[in-house]
Amino acid sequence: MSIAILKAPSVSVASVDVARTLRMGLLLGGVGVYLAAVGILAMFNERWIIVGLLTLGYGVLGLVYLVAGMISARRGAGLMTALASGILSGAIAGLTVSVLGLVIGPFSLQSVFTQLNGKLADSLALGLAPLSGLLVMLGIGAVCGAIGAILRFTPLTVRRPLVIAALVTVTAGLFQELIQIMLQDGPLTPVQDLIYEWEGLTAQGAAIVFVVAFILALIGVQISRRRARAAAAKANADSGQSLTKMGMIFLVLVLLPLMGGNYIGQVLLLVGLYILMGMGLNLEVGLAGLLDLGFVGFFAVGAYVTALLTANHPMAILHLNFWVAMPIAVLASVVVGVLFGIPVLGVRGDYLAVATMGLGEIVRVLVVSDAAKPLLGGPLGITQVPKPAIFGYGLTTPIQLYYLTLVASLVAGLIAWRLEGSRLGRAWMALRDDEDVAAALGIDRIECKLLAYGLGAAFAGLAGSIFAVMLASVYPSSFQLVVSINVLALIIVGGMGSLPGVAIGSLVLIGLPELLREFGEYRYLFYGVALIFMMQFRPEGLMPSKVRKRELHAAMGETSEPAVPTARAA
């Protein structure tokens, strides 16, 4: 009888493992088929990660197979069982993708999906005969699935450095053009010659980058663990560590555009403008809880006022210096922000978002209307906006304008930080948590809301003023609703109510897509996938504020409290 008891669970577990393995293999294989059918795989195959060895397309397929093996493997099933599940799942995913290559020719699928052509069939067969290619792809899937299963059982202290090293190596291969520009003509030229050739990252260079990144990541993990163990001394070391980190970050922000050139400077300039807008919207949404989808209107006011006061254009009102026009533009944005908030003082929640979106659209329609065309130029906008100058030295290049934006962001960040800890900031947070209770405590809701709109608009107006001189022109097409949505998204991704989170969110949502611009419209596909995964696994944001994090953890603790007595009783 004891033998029967032991045998029954093993059969049951085996059947569950097979079902899970088949399901994951077919699901991830379907992901690979989708990537091939929409043309992503073919385009990615034109980009080397490691020259002569691995393209981005095959790297993505390998990642798909690895994820299939990692998901199929279960810790409780034992290492060998999990390894077998990973191998089988990866092989099934590879087989699914290979079958697509076999059926492209006989069934003439190109009439339905234009990307399913003979070139794709050859790439899925790895340039071999169809049957040989299928077997090789199946083997690659099995190996990648096995690696995924092994990673599942690898200790976190080793797995994390491995993942970091792999990401660093892929980054070094994908952005080889930018990195080589940064390394050439300087003391780091020997490093460039060691790891790169003309077309990109070499196999030797990839191995060097991986090993160095792995060692550094491993050291970083060990240091983090030691710091966690030394919790008693943490309070005394926090201030020194924070100053050191801030100094290193500032040094990177100053030196990076000088090393990367005008393109990196242009990307960082755009990131800085979104950081300015993010800090403004963070006052409204993150602190005061006022969801504003018409925020782009304040950005437009700052840009148009600067253009009207400085441009060498017939529609310009005056021809002032930028440094005189910028404060006026910021003040005009504050006035518009206050006027903007008056009609929506009594509106809350989702209705507030709809109302502010409507007000923002009103601003956009007025700008392009025939009535405002004599003043604002209509769809043609205002051109010939001069670049700013300091003591006769013109700020004309993207790098020079980036440093202007960096200084403006630092000043604005200091103001926002002081506001957050002020009496007004605490009143905003009280309104965000419960408006009725805040009013009962004596907080003036009207004053606080109007201040939130006005001060938030000031940051957007400053960003708009710099944006006008960056483009040397102002057009209505630059102030679409999507700008407000992007600013709101970067706040959510970075961490609601967190100033460092605004910077991180801007780098992730604005900087990375700009660096991936060469991938065309496909960059937004991965952009969306990354947002979904982030919202699933880190809903509080990449760098949330301590208050926000504490609130979320408290809410999770409250929901899990009823289960504690039951567990203790059991």
Protein backbone atom coordinates (compact mmCIF):
# COMPACT_ATOMS: atom_id res chain seq x y z
CA MET A 1 0.00 0.00 0.00
CA SER A 2 2.87 2.32 0.76
CA ILE A 3 4.26 1.65 -2.72
CA ALA A 4 0.95 2.65 -4.33
CA ILE A 5 0.89 5.86 -2.31
CA LEU A 6 4.37 6.77 -3.50
CA LYS A 7 3.69 5.97 -7.14
CA ALA A 8 0.44 7.88 -7.51
CA PRO A 9 1.85 11.35 -6.83
CA SER A 10 4.77 10.80 -9.23
CA VAL A 11 2.40 10.02 -12.11
CA SER A 12 0.27 13.05 -11.27
CA VAL A 13 3.23 15.40 -11.07
CA ALA A 14 4.64 14.06 -14.34
CA SER A 15 1.35 14.72 -16.17
CA VAL A 16 1.19 18.26 -14.80
CA ASP A 17 4.81 18.86 -15.86
CA VAL A 18 4.12 17.68 -19.40
CA ALA A 19 1.04 19.86 -19.73
CA ARG A 20 2.88 22.90 -18.40
CA THR A 21 5.88 22.25 -20.64
CA LEU A 22 3.78 21.87 -23.77
CA ARG A 23 1.75 24.95 -22.98
CA MET A 24 4.78 27.16 -22.30
CA GLY A 25 6.67 25.84 -25.33
CA LEU A 26 3.78 26.48 -27.70
CA LEU A 27 3.02 29.87 -26.15
CA LEU A 28 6.58 31.16 -26.40
CA GLY A 29 6.95 29.57 -29.82
CA GLY A 30 3.88 31.55 -30.84
CA VAL A 31 5.66 34.70 -29.66
CA GLY A 32 8.56 33.82 -31.97
CA VAL A 33 6.17 33.23 -34.86
CA TYR A 34 4.53 36.60 -34.23
CA LEU A 35 7.90 38.37 -34.24
CA ALA A 36 8.69 36.75 -37.58
CA ALA A 37 5.27 37.42 -39.13
CA VAL A 38 5.23 41.17 -38.40
CA GLY A 39 8.76 41.68 -39.72
CA ILE A 40 10.57 42.35 -36.45
CA LEU A 41 12.80 39.30 -36.79
CA ALA A 42 13.87 40.14 -40.35
CA MET A 43 14.76 43.70 -39.43
CA PHE A 44 16.59 42.67 -36.26
CA ASN A 45 18.64 40.13 -38.23
CA GLU A 46 20.26 43.04 -40.04
CA ARG A 47 21.82 44.25 -36.78
CA TRP A 48 24.82 42.53 -35.23
CA ILE A 49 25.23 42.05 -31.50
CA ILE A 50 28.46 40.09 -31.98
CA VAL A 51 29.88 40.47 -35.48
CA GLY A 52 29.83 37.20 -37.42
CA LEU A 53 28.32 35.27 -34.53
CA LEU A 54 25.01 36.65 -33.24
CA THR A 55 22.45 39.04 -34.69
CA LEU A 56 19.77 40.84 -32.70
CA GLY A 57 17.08 38.69 -34.35
CA TYR A 58 18.61 35.39 -33.30
CA GLY A 59 19.35 36.89 -29.88
CA VAL A 60 15.64 37.68 -29.42
CA LEU A 61 14.71 34.12 -30.47
CA GLY A 62 17.25 32.73 -28.01
CA LEU A 63 15.72 34.87 -25.27
CA VAL A 64 12.26 33.54 -26.14
CA TYR A 65 13.50 29.95 -25.82
CA LEU A 66 15.32 30.75 -22.58
CA VAL A 67 12.17 32.28 -21.06
CA ALA A 68 10.20 29.18 -22.09
CA GLY A 69 12.65 26.97 -20.23
CA MET A 70 12.74 29.24 -17.19
CA ILE A 71 8.95 29.37 -16.86
CA SER A 72 8.53 25.62 -17.40
CA ALA A 73 11.09 24.72 -14.73
CA ARG A 74 9.71 24.54 -11.22
CA ARG A 75 11.87 24.60 -8.12
CA GLY A 76 9.76 22.11 -6.23
CA ALA A 77 10.09 19.48 -8.94
CA GLY A 78 13.83 18.93 -8.45
CA LEU A 79 16.75 20.02 -10.61
CA MET A 80 16.75 17.11 -13.09
CA THR A 81 12.99 17.24 -13.61
CA ALA A 82 13.11 21.00 -14.08
CA LEU A 83 16.04 20.66 -16.48
CA ALA A 84 14.11 18.12 -18.55
CA SER A 85 11.07 20.43 -18.59
CA GLY A 86 13.25 23.36 -19.70
CA ILE A 87 14.88 21.36 -22.50
CA LEU A 88 11.54 20.06 -23.77
CA SER A 89 9.84 23.46 -23.57
CA GLY A 90 12.69 25.23 -25.39
CA ALA A 91 12.77 22.50 -28.04
CA ILE A 92 9.02 22.84 -28.63
CA ALA A 93 9.36 26.62 -28.97
CA GLY A 94 12.22 26.16 -31.46
CA LEU A 95 10.24 23.56 -33.37
CA THR A 96 7.22 25.89 -33.58
CA VAL A 97 9.32 28.68 -35.08
CA SER A 98 11.09 26.30 -37.50
CA VAL A 99 7.80 24.90 -38.78
CA LEU A 100 6.88 28.42 -39.88
CA GLY A 101 9.93 28.44 -42.13
CA LEU A 102 8.90 25.12 -43.66
CA VAL A 103 5.34 26.21 -44.53
CA ILE A 104 6.17 29.65 -45.95
CA GLY A 105 7.00 28.40 -49.44
CA PRO A 106 4.39 25.66 -50.07
CA PHE A 107 1.43 27.69 -48.75
CA SER A 108 2.38 31.12 -50.24
CA LEU A 109 1.82 32.95 -46.96
CA GLN A 110 3.35 36.13 -48.33
CA SER A 111 -0.01 37.09 -49.84
CA VAL A 112 -1.37 37.34 -46.28
CA PHE A 113 1.74 38.44 -44.37
CA THR A 114 4.14 40.36 -46.58
CA GLN A 115 7.10 39.58 -44.32
CA LEU A 116 6.74 35.80 -44.72
CA ASN A 117 9.02 35.46 -47.73
CA GLY A 118 11.84 33.23 -48.86
CA LYS A 119 14.47 35.34 -47.12
CA LEU A 120 12.75 34.80 -43.78
CA ALA A 121 12.47 31.06 -44.46
CA ASP A 122 16.23 30.91 -45.09
CA SER A 123 16.98 32.81 -41.89
CA LEU A 124 14.72 30.51 -39.84
CA ALA A 125 16.59 27.55 -41.36
CA LEU A 126 19.90 29.25 -40.42
CA GLY A 127 20.97 29.15 -44.07
CA LEU A 128 20.88 25.32 -44.11
CA ALA A 129 18.64 22.84 -45.85
CA PRO A 130 15.08 23.00 -44.47
CA LEU A 131 15.25 19.75 -42.48
CA SER A 132 18.78 20.42 -41.21
CA GLY A 133 17.80 23.92 -40.19
CA LEU A 134 14.78 22.57 -38.31
CA LEU A 135 16.95 20.13 -36.35
CA VAL A 136 19.56 22.79 -35.55
CA MET A 137 16.89 25.28 -34.42
CA LEU A 138 15.30 22.58 -32.30
CA GLY A 139 18.69 21.92 -30.68
CA ILE A 140 19.26 25.66 -30.08
CA GLY A 141 15.84 25.86 -28.42
CA ALA A 142 16.66 22.88 -26.20
CA VAL A 143 20.02 24.39 -25.13
CA CYS A 144 18.47 27.79 -24.41
CA GLY A 145 15.64 26.12 -22.48
CA ALA A 146 18.17 24.20 -20.42
CA ILE A 147 20.02 27.43 -19.64
CA GLY A 148 16.74 29.01 -18.53
CA ALA A 149 15.99 26.06 -16.25
CA ILE A 150 19.48 26.20 -14.73
CA LEU A 151 19.10 29.95 -14.14
CA ARG A 152 15.89 29.24 -12.25
CA PHE A 153 17.86 27.15 -9.74
CA THR A 154 20.91 29.42 -9.64
CA PRO A 155 21.28 31.45 -6.40
CA LEU A 156 20.25 35.07 -6.70
CA THR A 157 23.76 36.27 -5.84
CA VAL A 158 25.03 34.57 -9.00
CA ARG A 159 21.97 34.92 -11.25
CA ARG A 160 21.78 38.68 -10.89
CA PRO A 161 25.41 39.29 -11.97
CA LEU A 162 24.92 36.91 -14.91
CA VAL A 163 21.83 38.79 -16.10
CA ILE A 164 23.55 42.16 -15.64
CA ALA A 165 26.62 40.97 -17.55
CA ALA A 166 24.45 39.68 -20.40
CA LEU A 167 22.54 42.98 -20.58
CA VAL A 168 25.78 44.99 -20.59
CA THR A 169 27.18 42.82 -23.41
CA VAL A 170 24.04 43.20 -25.51
CA THR A 171 24.08 46.97 -24.88
CA ALA A 172 27.73 47.14 -25.96
CA GLY A 173 26.82 45.38 -29.20
CA LEU A 174 23.62 47.27 -30.00
CA PHE A 175 24.97 50.75 -29.34
CA GLN A 176 28.40 50.12 -30.76
CA GLU A 177 28.29 53.19 -33.00
CA LEU A 178 27.68 55.58 -30.11
CA ILE A 179 30.14 53.81 -27.83
CA GLN A 180 32.87 53.83 -30.47
CA ILE A 181 32.36 57.56 -31.01
CA MET A 182 32.76 58.07 -27.26
CA LEU A 183 35.92 55.92 -27.10
CA GLN A 184 37.76 57.18 -30.16
CA ASP A 185 40.31 60.00 -30.19
CA GLY A 186 41.09 59.80 -26.50
CA PRO A 187 42.80 57.78 -23.78
CA LEU A 188 40.22 54.98 -24.20
CA THR A 189 41.11 54.31 -27.85
CA PRO A 190 43.04 51.08 -26.95
CA VAL A 191 39.85 49.79 -25.31
CA GLN A 192 37.97 50.41 -28.55
CA ASP A 193 40.58 48.53 -30.56
CA LEU A 194 40.44 45.64 -28.09
CA ILE A 195 36.69 44.97 -28.14
CA TYR A 196 35.41 46.48 -31.41
CA GLU A 197 36.04 46.26 -35.10
CA TRP A 198 34.59 48.44 -37.85
CA GLU A 199 31.21 46.63 -37.97
CA GLY A 200 30.73 46.22 -34.25
CA LEU A 201 31.52 44.09 -31.20
CA THR A 202 33.91 41.17 -31.77
CA ALA A 203 33.62 37.75 -30.12
CA GLN A 204 36.75 38.52 -28.10
CA GLY A 205 35.31 41.89 -27.11
CA ALA A 206 32.01 40.32 -26.08
CA ALA A 207 33.82 37.84 -23.84
CA ILE A 208 35.87 40.63 -22.24
CA VAL A 209 32.81 42.83 -21.66
CA PHE A 210 30.83 39.92 -20.20
CA VAL A 211 33.59 38.83 -17.81
CA VAL A 212 34.35 42.38 -16.62
CA ALA A 213 30.65 43.20 -16.16
CA PHE A 214 30.06 39.92 -14.31
CA ILE A 215 32.97 40.52 -11.90
CA LEU A 216 31.87 44.10 -11.21
CA ALA A 217 28.23 43.05 -10.72
CA LEU A 218 29.31 40.21 -8.42
CA ILE A 219 31.37 42.63 -6.33
CA GLY A 220 28.39 45.02 -6.24
CA VAL A 221 26.07 42.26 -5.00
CA GLN A 222 28.51 41.28 -2.26
CA ILE A 223 28.89 44.89 -1.16
CA SER A 224 25.10 45.27 -1.04
CA ARG A 225 24.79 42.18 1.11
CA ARG A 226 27.44 43.42 3.51
CA ARG A 227 25.69 46.76 3.79
CA ALA A 228 22.42 45.01 4.51
CA ARG A 229 24.07 43.06 7.32
CA ALA A 230 25.54 46.23 8.79
CA ALA A 231 22.12 47.74 9.48
CA ALA A 232 23.26 49.25 12.77
CA ALA A 233 25.78 51.56 11.08
CA LYS A 234 23.51 52.42 8.20
CA ALA A 235 22.08 55.61 9.70
CA ASN A 236 25.51 57.17 10.07
CA ALA A 237 26.67 56.18 6.59
CA ASP A 238 23.54 57.24 4.70
CA SER A 239 24.41 60.93 4.42
CA GLY A 240 27.95 60.29 3.20
CA GLN A 241 26.79 57.64 0.72
CA SER A 242 24.05 59.93 -0.61
CA LEU A 243 26.50 62.78 -1.18
CA THR A 244 28.91 60.42 -2.94
CA LYS A 245 26.18 59.07 -5.20
CA MET A 246 24.92 62.56 -6.03
CA GLY A 247 28.46 63.68 -6.86
CA MET A 248 29.02 60.71 -9.17
CA ILE A 249 25.69 61.23 -10.91
CA PHE A 250 26.42 64.93 -11.42
CA LEU A 251 29.86 64.09 -12.84
CA VAL A 252 28.30 61.65 -15.32
CA LEU A 253 25.68 64.19 -16.37
CA VAL A 254 28.41 66.78 -17.04
CA LEU A 255 30.86 64.51 -18.90
CA LEU A 256 28.49 62.22 -20.84
CA PRO A 257 27.47 64.71 -23.59
CA LEU A 258 31.08 65.79 -24.03
CA MET A 259 32.07 62.17 -24.67
CA GLY A 260 28.98 61.20 -26.68
CA GLY A 261 28.78 64.17 -29.05
CA ASN A 262 25.85 66.21 -30.33
CA TYR A 263 23.47 63.26 -30.75
CA ILE A 264 23.79 62.21 -27.11
CA GLY A 265 23.54 65.88 -26.17
CA GLN A 266 20.29 66.19 -28.16
CA VAL A 267 18.81 63.11 -26.48
CA LEU A 268 19.82 64.34 -23.01
CA LEU A 269 18.41 67.79 -23.83
CA LEU A 270 15.03 66.24 -24.63
CA VAL A 271 15.20 64.14 -21.48
CA GLY A 272 15.94 67.28 -19.45
CA LEU A 273 12.91 69.08 -20.86
CA TYR A 274 10.67 66.16 -19.90
CA ILE A 275 12.24 66.12 -16.43
CA LEU A 276 11.24 69.78 -16.05
CA MET A 277 7.69 69.02 -17.14
CA GLY A 278 7.62 65.88 -15.01
CA MET A 279 8.57 67.82 -11.88
CA GLY A 280 5.74 70.25 -12.59
CA LEU A 281 3.12 67.57 -13.18
CA ASN A 282 4.46 65.70 -10.15
CA LEU A 283 3.36 68.63 -7.98
CA GLU A 284 -0.16 68.31 -9.36
CA VAL A 285 -0.55 64.54 -9.61
CA GLY A 286 2.04 63.09 -7.25
CA LEU A 287 1.52 65.50 -4.34
CA ALA A 288 -1.90 67.15 -4.78
CA GLY A 289 -3.61 64.23 -6.54
CA LEU A 290 -4.91 66.42 -9.39
CA LEU A 291 -4.86 64.31 -12.56
CA ASP A 292 -4.09 66.78 -15.35
CA LEU A 293 -4.15 65.67 -19.00
CA GLY A 294 -4.06 69.23 -20.35
CA PHE A 295 -0.59 69.89 -18.99
CA VAL A 296 0.82 70.35 -22.48
CA GLY A 297 -1.08 73.65 -22.64
CA PHE A 298 1.30 75.23 -20.11
CA PHE A 299 4.25 73.92 -22.12
CA ALA A 300 2.80 75.57 -25.23
CA VAL A 301 2.28 78.90 -23.42
CA GLY A 302 5.93 79.02 -22.37
CA ALA A 303 7.12 78.26 -25.89
CA TYR A 304 4.80 80.71 -27.67
CA VAL A 305 5.43 83.58 -25.25
CA THR A 306 9.19 83.14 -25.65
CA ALA A 307 8.83 83.08 -29.44
CA LEU A 308 6.59 86.17 -29.50
CA LEU A 309 9.01 88.12 -27.33
CA THR A 310 12.31 87.14 -28.98
CA ALA A 311 11.77 85.99 -32.59
CA ASN A 312 13.08 87.87 -35.60
CA HIS A 313 9.67 87.41 -37.19
CA PRO A 314 6.92 89.80 -38.35
CA MET A 315 4.53 88.37 -35.74
CA ALA A 316 6.90 88.99 -32.84
CA ILE A 317 5.58 91.54 -30.34
CA LEU A 318 8.99 92.54 -29.03
CA HIS A 319 12.59 91.56 -29.68
CA LEU A 320 13.77 90.93 -26.14
CA ASN A 321 16.74 88.99 -24.88
CA PHE A 322 16.02 85.35 -23.99
CA TRP A 323 16.96 85.90 -20.36
CA VAL A 324 14.33 88.65 -20.12
CA ALA A 325 11.68 86.73 -22.05
CA MET A 326 12.06 83.49 -20.10
CA PRO A 327 10.77 84.83 -16.73
CA ILE A 328 7.87 86.49 -18.55
CA ALA A 329 7.04 83.16 -20.23
CA VAL A 330 7.13 81.37 -16.87
CA LEU A 331 4.89 84.04 -15.31
CA ALA A 332 2.45 83.77 -18.23
CA SER A 333 2.31 80.00 -17.72
CA VAL A 334 1.55 80.49 -14.02
CA VAL A 335 -1.32 82.86 -14.87
CA VAL A 336 -2.72 80.40 -17.42
CA GLY A 337 -2.32 77.58 -14.88
CA VAL A 338 -4.37 79.44 -12.29
CA LEU A 339 -7.03 80.32 -14.87
CA PHE A 340 -6.90 76.72 -16.03
CA GLY A 341 -7.65 75.45 -12.51
CA ILE A 342 -10.63 77.70 -11.75
CA PRO A 343 -13.19 75.86 -13.94
CA VAL A 344 -12.25 72.44 -12.53
CA LEU A 345 -12.05 73.28 -8.80
CA GLY A 346 -15.09 71.17 -7.96
CA VAL A 347 -14.22 68.21 -10.21
CA ARG A 348 -12.49 65.10 -8.89
CA GLY A 349 -11.05 61.78 -10.04
CA ASP A 350 -11.54 60.56 -13.59
CA TYR A 351 -13.84 63.47 -14.35
CA LEU A 352 -10.98 65.84 -13.57
CA ALA A 353 -8.79 64.05 -16.12
CA VAL A 354 -11.47 64.41 -18.79
CA ALA A 355 -12.08 68.07 -17.93
CA THR A 356 -8.38 69.00 -18.04
CA MET A 357 -7.97 67.10 -21.30
CA GLY A 358 -10.79 69.18 -22.73
CA LEU A 359 -9.15 72.41 -21.59
CA GLY A 360 -5.87 71.34 -23.15
CA GLU A 361 -7.60 70.61 -26.44
CA ILE A 362 -9.22 74.04 -26.31
CA VAL A 363 -5.75 75.60 -26.12
CA ARG A 364 -4.58 73.54 -29.10
CA VAL A 365 -7.64 74.43 -31.20
CA LEU A 366 -7.26 78.13 -30.39
CA VAL A 367 -3.61 78.09 -31.48
CA VAL A 368 -4.42 76.69 -34.92
CA SER A 369 -7.61 78.70 -35.39
CA ASP A 370 -8.02 81.49 -37.94
CA ALA A 371 -8.88 83.93 -35.15
CA ALA A 372 -5.45 83.53 -33.51
CA LYS A 373 -3.54 83.21 -36.78
CA PRO A 374 -2.57 86.92 -36.98
CA LEU A 375 -0.96 86.64 -33.54
CA LEU A 376 0.29 83.04 -33.31
CA GLY A 377 0.83 82.15 -36.96
CA GLY A 378 -1.70 79.32 -37.09
CA PRO A 379 -0.40 75.99 -38.45
CA LEU A 380 2.73 77.72 -39.81
CA GLY A 381 3.84 78.70 -36.30
CA ILE A 382 6.57 81.21 -35.50
CA THR A 383 10.11 80.85 -36.83
CA GLN A 384 13.49 82.55 -36.43
CA VAL A 385 13.62 82.28 -32.66
CA PRO A 386 17.21 83.25 -31.72
CA LYS A 387 19.48 81.13 -29.57
CA PRO A 388 20.34 82.44 -26.09
CA ALA A 389 23.76 83.88 -25.30
CA ILE A 390 25.75 84.37 -22.08
CA PHE A 391 28.22 87.27 -22.05
CA GLY A 392 28.26 87.25 -25.82
CA TYR A 393 28.83 83.48 -26.03
CA GLY A 394 25.97 81.87 -27.98
CA LEU A 395 24.36 78.61 -26.82
CA THR A 396 23.84 77.15 -30.28
CA THR A 397 24.73 73.44 -30.13
CA PRO A 398 22.63 70.72 -28.46
CA ILE A 399 25.37 70.17 -25.88
CA GLN A 400 25.39 73.84 -24.88
CA LEU A 401 21.60 73.93 -24.62
CA TYR A 402 21.75 70.70 -22.63
CA TYR A 403 23.86 72.40 -19.96
CA LEU A 404 21.28 75.20 -19.84
CA THR A 405 18.57 72.59 -19.31
CA LEU A 406 20.70 70.81 -16.70
CA VAL A 407 21.08 73.99 -14.65
CA ALA A 408 17.35 74.76 -15.01
CA SER A 409 16.48 71.21 -13.92
CA LEU A 410 18.73 71.42 -10.85
CA VAL A 411 17.20 74.73 -9.79
CA ALA A 412 13.67 73.48 -10.44
CA GLY A 413 14.44 70.24 -8.59
CA LEU A 414 15.63 72.18 -5.55
CA ILE A 415 12.43 74.27 -5.57
CA ALA A 416 10.25 71.16 -5.98
CA TRP A 417 12.11 69.40 -3.16
CA ARG A 418 11.60 72.36 -0.83
CA LEU A 419 7.93 72.57 -1.78
CA GLU A 420 7.44 68.89 -1.04
CA GLY A 421 8.70 69.28 2.52
CA SER A 422 6.95 72.59 3.14
CA ARG A 423 3.63 73.28 4.81
CA LEU A 424 2.06 73.67 1.37
CA GLY A 425 3.44 70.29 0.27
CA ARG A 426 1.93 68.59 3.32
CA ALA A 427 -1.38 70.29 2.57
CA TRP A 428 -1.24 68.95 -1.01
CA MET A 429 -0.63 65.42 0.27
CA ALA A 430 -3.54 65.76 2.66
CA LEU A 431 -5.79 66.80 -0.24
CA ARG A 432 -4.52 63.83 -2.26
CA ASP A 433 -5.31 61.35 0.50
CA ASP A 434 -8.76 62.68 1.44
CA GLU A 435 -10.03 66.05 0.31
CA ASP A 436 -12.98 66.17 2.69
CA VAL A 437 -10.87 65.39 5.75
CA ALA A 438 -8.30 67.97 4.66
CA ALA A 439 -11.02 70.61 4.40
CA ALA A 440 -12.30 69.64 7.85
CA LEU A 441 -8.79 70.21 9.21
CA GLY A 442 -8.83 73.79 7.94
CA ILE A 443 -6.91 73.44 4.66
CA ASP A 444 -8.07 75.90 2.02
CA ARG A 445 -8.83 73.60 -0.90
CA ILE A 446 -9.23 76.37 -3.48
CA GLU A 447 -5.95 78.05 -2.61
CA CYS A 448 -4.02 74.77 -2.51
CA LYS A 449 -5.40 73.55 -5.84
CA LEU A 450 -4.76 76.82 -7.63
CA LEU A 451 -1.22 76.92 -6.25
CA ALA A 452 -0.66 73.37 -7.48
CA TYR A 453 -1.85 74.29 -10.99
CA GLY A 454 0.10 77.54 -11.03
CA LEU A 455 3.40 76.19 -9.70
CA GLY A 456 3.18 73.08 -11.86
CA ALA A 457 2.57 75.29 -14.89
CA ALA A 458 5.71 77.31 -14.05
CA PHE A 459 7.92 74.24 -14.58
CA ALA A 460 6.18 73.47 -17.87
CA GLY A 461 6.54 77.09 -18.99
CA LEU A 462 10.27 76.98 -18.30
CA ALA A 463 10.58 73.79 -20.35
CA GLY A 464 8.56 75.36 -23.17
CA SER A 465 10.80 78.43 -23.19
CA ILE A 466 13.92 76.30 -23.65
CA PHE A 467 12.10 74.13 -26.20
CA ALA A 468 11.39 77.20 -28.36
CA VAL A 469 15.06 78.18 -28.57
CA MET A 470 16.10 74.56 -29.08
CA LEU A 471 14.06 74.29 -32.28
CA ALA A 472 14.45 77.99 -33.15
CA SER A 473 10.74 77.82 -34.03
CA VAL A 474 7.36 76.98 -32.54
CA TYR A 475 4.69 74.89 -34.28
CA PRO A 476 1.27 73.71 -33.00
CA SER A 477 2.09 70.11 -33.97
CA SER A 478 4.66 70.01 -31.16
CA PHE A 479 1.97 70.36 -28.48
CA GLN A 480 -0.26 67.34 -28.91
CA LEU A 481 -2.12 65.42 -26.20
CA VAL A 482 0.52 62.68 -26.38
CA VAL A 483 2.99 65.03 -24.67
CA SER A 484 0.78 65.18 -21.56
CA ILE A 485 0.35 61.41 -21.64
CA ASN A 486 4.11 60.87 -21.91
CA VAL A 487 4.77 63.17 -18.94
CA LEU A 488 2.14 61.36 -16.87
CA ALA A 489 3.56 57.98 -17.90
CA LEU A 490 7.11 58.88 -16.87
CA ILE A 491 5.84 59.96 -13.43
CA ILE A 492 4.00 56.66 -12.97
CA VAL A 493 6.95 54.59 -14.19
CA GLY A 494 9.51 56.53 -12.16
CA GLY A 495 7.45 56.66 -8.99
CA MET A 496 4.54 58.89 -8.08
CA GLY A 497 5.59 61.78 -5.85
CA SER A 498 9.33 61.07 -6.24
CA LEU A 499 11.73 63.60 -7.78
CA PRO A 500 14.44 61.00 -8.51
CA GLY A 501 11.66 58.87 -9.98
CA VAL A 502 10.82 61.67 -12.43
CA ALA A 503 14.43 61.65 -13.68
CA ILE A 504 14.55 57.84 -13.95
CA GLY A 505 11.17 57.72 -15.69
CA SER A 506 12.26 60.35 -18.20
CA LEU A 507 15.46 58.44 -18.97
CA VAL A 508 13.55 55.18 -19.47
CA LEU A 509 10.54 56.48 -21.42
CA ILE A 510 12.11 59.38 -23.34
CA GLY A 511 15.83 58.65 -23.55
CA LEU A 512 15.78 54.96 -24.48
CA PRO A 513 13.18 55.27 -27.29
CA GLU A 514 15.26 58.10 -28.78
CA LEU A 515 18.36 55.90 -28.73
CA LEU A 516 16.33 53.10 -30.36
CA ARG A 517 14.94 55.39 -33.07
CA GLU A 518 16.75 53.42 -35.79
CA PHE A 519 14.36 50.50 -35.15
CA GLY A 520 11.47 52.61 -36.45
CA GLU A 521 7.97 51.97 -35.24
CA TYR A 522 8.95 48.67 -33.62
CA ARG A 523 10.62 50.51 -30.75
CA TYR A 524 7.18 51.40 -29.40
CA LEU A 525 6.20 47.72 -29.32
CA PHE A 526 8.99 46.93 -26.87
CA TYR A 527 8.30 50.22 -25.13
CA GLY A 528 4.73 49.04 -24.44
CA VAL A 529 5.82 45.54 -23.39
CA ALA A 530 8.31 47.01 -20.93
CA LEU A 531 5.57 49.23 -19.44
CA ILE A 532 3.25 46.25 -18.99
CA PHE A 533 5.91 44.17 -17.25
CA MET A 534 6.90 47.12 -15.06
CA MET A 535 3.32 47.78 -13.98
CA GLN A 536 2.88 44.08 -13.24
CA PHE A 537 5.99 43.52 -11.16
CA ARG A 538 6.76 47.00 -9.75
CA PRO A 539 3.55 49.04 -9.64
CA GLU A 540 4.98 51.62 -7.20
CA GLY A 541 7.52 52.72 -9.83
CA LEU A 542 11.24 52.30 -10.37
CA MET A 543 12.21 54.78 -7.64
CA PRO A 544 9.13 55.61 -5.54
CA SER A 545 9.03 58.10 -2.72
CA LYS A 546 9.36 56.69 0.79
CA VAL A 547 5.85 57.86 1.67
CA ARG A 548 4.31 56.23 -1.40
CA LYS A 549 6.23 53.00 -0.82
CA ARG A 550 5.21 52.91 2.83
CA GLU A 551 1.55 53.46 1.90
CA LEU A 552 1.59 50.62 -0.64
CA HIS A 553 3.28 48.23 1.78
CA ALA A 554 0.82 49.20 4.51
CA ALA A 555 -2.08 48.49 2.17
CA MET A 556 -0.61 45.09 1.30
CA GLY A 557 -0.13 44.35 4.99
CA GLU A 558 -3.76 45.19 5.71
CA THR A 559 -5.01 42.85 3.01
CA SER A 560 -2.85 40.02 4.26
CA GLU A 561 -3.67 40.52 7.98
CA PRO A 562 -6.79 38.33 8.12
CA ALA A 563 -4.80 35.34 6.91
CA VAL A 564 -2.29 35.54 9.81
CA PRO A 565 -4.55 34.24 12.63
CA THR A 566 -5.64 31.34 10.43
CA ALA A 567 -2.04 30.40 9.70
CA ARG A 568 -1.16 30.60 13.41
CA ALA A 569 -4.19 28.56 14.33
CA ALA A 570 -3.21 25.95 11.79
